[in-house]
Amino acid sequence: MSPSSRDNPCVKSSSWMHSLTQTRFKKCNFIEWKDDEHEEGYYKNLLYSLKRKLDAKEDLSEMHNLRTRIVGVEFLLS
């Protein structure tokens, strides 16, 4: 569950549904940050936790999924 603006004045939460069901995209939540410092800290923390999860995984498909998420978060930080 993503934070709402009422819970944290630094974020504005939104969600969207991809319209093309053939692509098998799921409902995605994203956070639009009002403060660049909070945004960078959030994504650095997310990146750190994803890398820790990756180190703990043994299943190749789970490792691939985590690597894909890590690449996405690294892109957001760049």
Protein backbone atom coordinates (compact mmCIF):
# COMPACT_ATOMS: atom_id res chain seq x y z
CA MET A 1 0.00 0.00 0.00
CA SER A 2 1.48 3.33 -0.97
CA PRO A 3 1.40 6.37 1.29
CA SER A 4 -1.17 9.02 0.67
CA SER A 5 -0.82 12.77 0.81
CA ARG A 6 -2.70 12.77 4.10
CA ASP A 7 -0.14 10.41 5.69
CA ASN A 8 2.94 12.23 4.42
CA PRO A 9 2.93 15.82 3.14
CA CYS A 10 5.98 15.06 0.96
CA VAL A 11 4.21 12.65 -1.41
CA LYS A 12 1.26 12.62 -3.73
CA SER A 13 0.10 9.05 -4.42
CA SER A 14 -1.56 7.89 -7.63
CA SER A 15 -2.35 4.65 -9.38
CA TRP A 16 -3.15 3.69 -12.94
CA MET A 17 -4.32 0.66 -14.90
CA HIS A 18 -2.68 -0.19 -18.21
CA SER A 19 -5.36 -0.32 -20.88
CA LEU A 20 -3.83 -3.05 -23.03
CA THR A 21 -4.70 -6.37 -21.43
CA GLN A 22 -2.79 -8.28 -24.12
CA THR A 23 0.49 -7.03 -22.67
CA ARG A 24 -0.38 -8.59 -19.29
CA PHE A 25 0.53 -5.47 -17.30
CA LYS A 26 -0.86 -5.38 -13.80
CA LYS A 27 -2.22 -2.42 -11.90
CA CYS A 28 0.72 -0.21 -10.97
CA ASN A 29 1.10 2.17 -8.07
CA PHE A 30 3.51 5.04 -8.35
CA ILE A 31 4.46 7.93 -6.15
CA GLU A 32 4.86 11.48 -7.39
CA TRP A 33 7.18 13.26 -5.00
CA LYS A 34 6.90 16.93 -4.08
CA ASP A 35 10.46 17.05 -2.73
CA ASP A 36 13.51 15.84 -4.72
CA GLU A 37 15.45 14.98 -1.56
CA HIS A 38 12.71 12.64 -0.31
CA GLU A 39 12.38 11.09 -3.76
CA GLU A 40 16.08 10.27 -3.98
CA GLY A 41 16.14 8.87 -0.43
CA TYR A 42 13.10 6.69 -1.09
CA TYR A 43 14.55 5.19 -4.26
CA LYS A 44 17.99 4.67 -2.70
CA ASN A 45 16.35 2.83 0.18
CA LEU A 46 14.24 0.77 -2.25
CA LEU A 47 17.34 -0.07 -4.29
CA TYR A 48 19.20 -1.17 -1.15
CA SER A 49 16.34 -3.43 -0.02
CA LEU A 50 15.92 -4.97 -3.49
CA LYS A 51 19.63 -5.78 -3.66
CA ARG A 52 19.43 -7.41 -0.21
CA LYS A 53 16.47 -9.52 -1.36
CA LEU A 54 18.41 -10.49 -4.50
CA ASP A 55 21.33 -11.73 -2.41
CA ALA A 56 18.95 -13.94 -0.39
CA LYS A 57 17.19 -15.56 -3.40
CA GLU A 58 18.05 -18.93 -4.86
CA ASP A 59 15.29 -19.29 -7.47
CA LEU A 60 16.46 -18.03 -10.88
CA SER A 61 13.07 -16.60 -11.92
CA GLU A 62 12.80 -14.59 -8.68
CA MET A 63 16.37 -13.35 -9.19
CA HIS A 64 15.54 -12.22 -12.72
CA ASN A 65 12.44 -10.36 -11.51
CA LEU A 66 14.42 -8.59 -8.78
CA ARG A 67 17.21 -7.65 -11.20
CA THR A 68 14.59 -6.14 -13.52
CA ARG A 69 13.16 -4.06 -10.65
CA ILE A 70 16.68 -2.97 -9.63
CA VAL A 71 17.41 -1.74 -13.16
CA GLY A 72 14.14 0.23 -13.12
CA VAL A 73 14.94 1.88 -9.79
CA GLU A 74 18.51 2.68 -10.90
CA PHE A 75 17.02 4.35 -13.99
CA LEU A 76 14.77 6.48 -11.78
CA LEU A 77 17.80 7.58 -9.76
CA SER A 78 19.78 8.61 -12.83
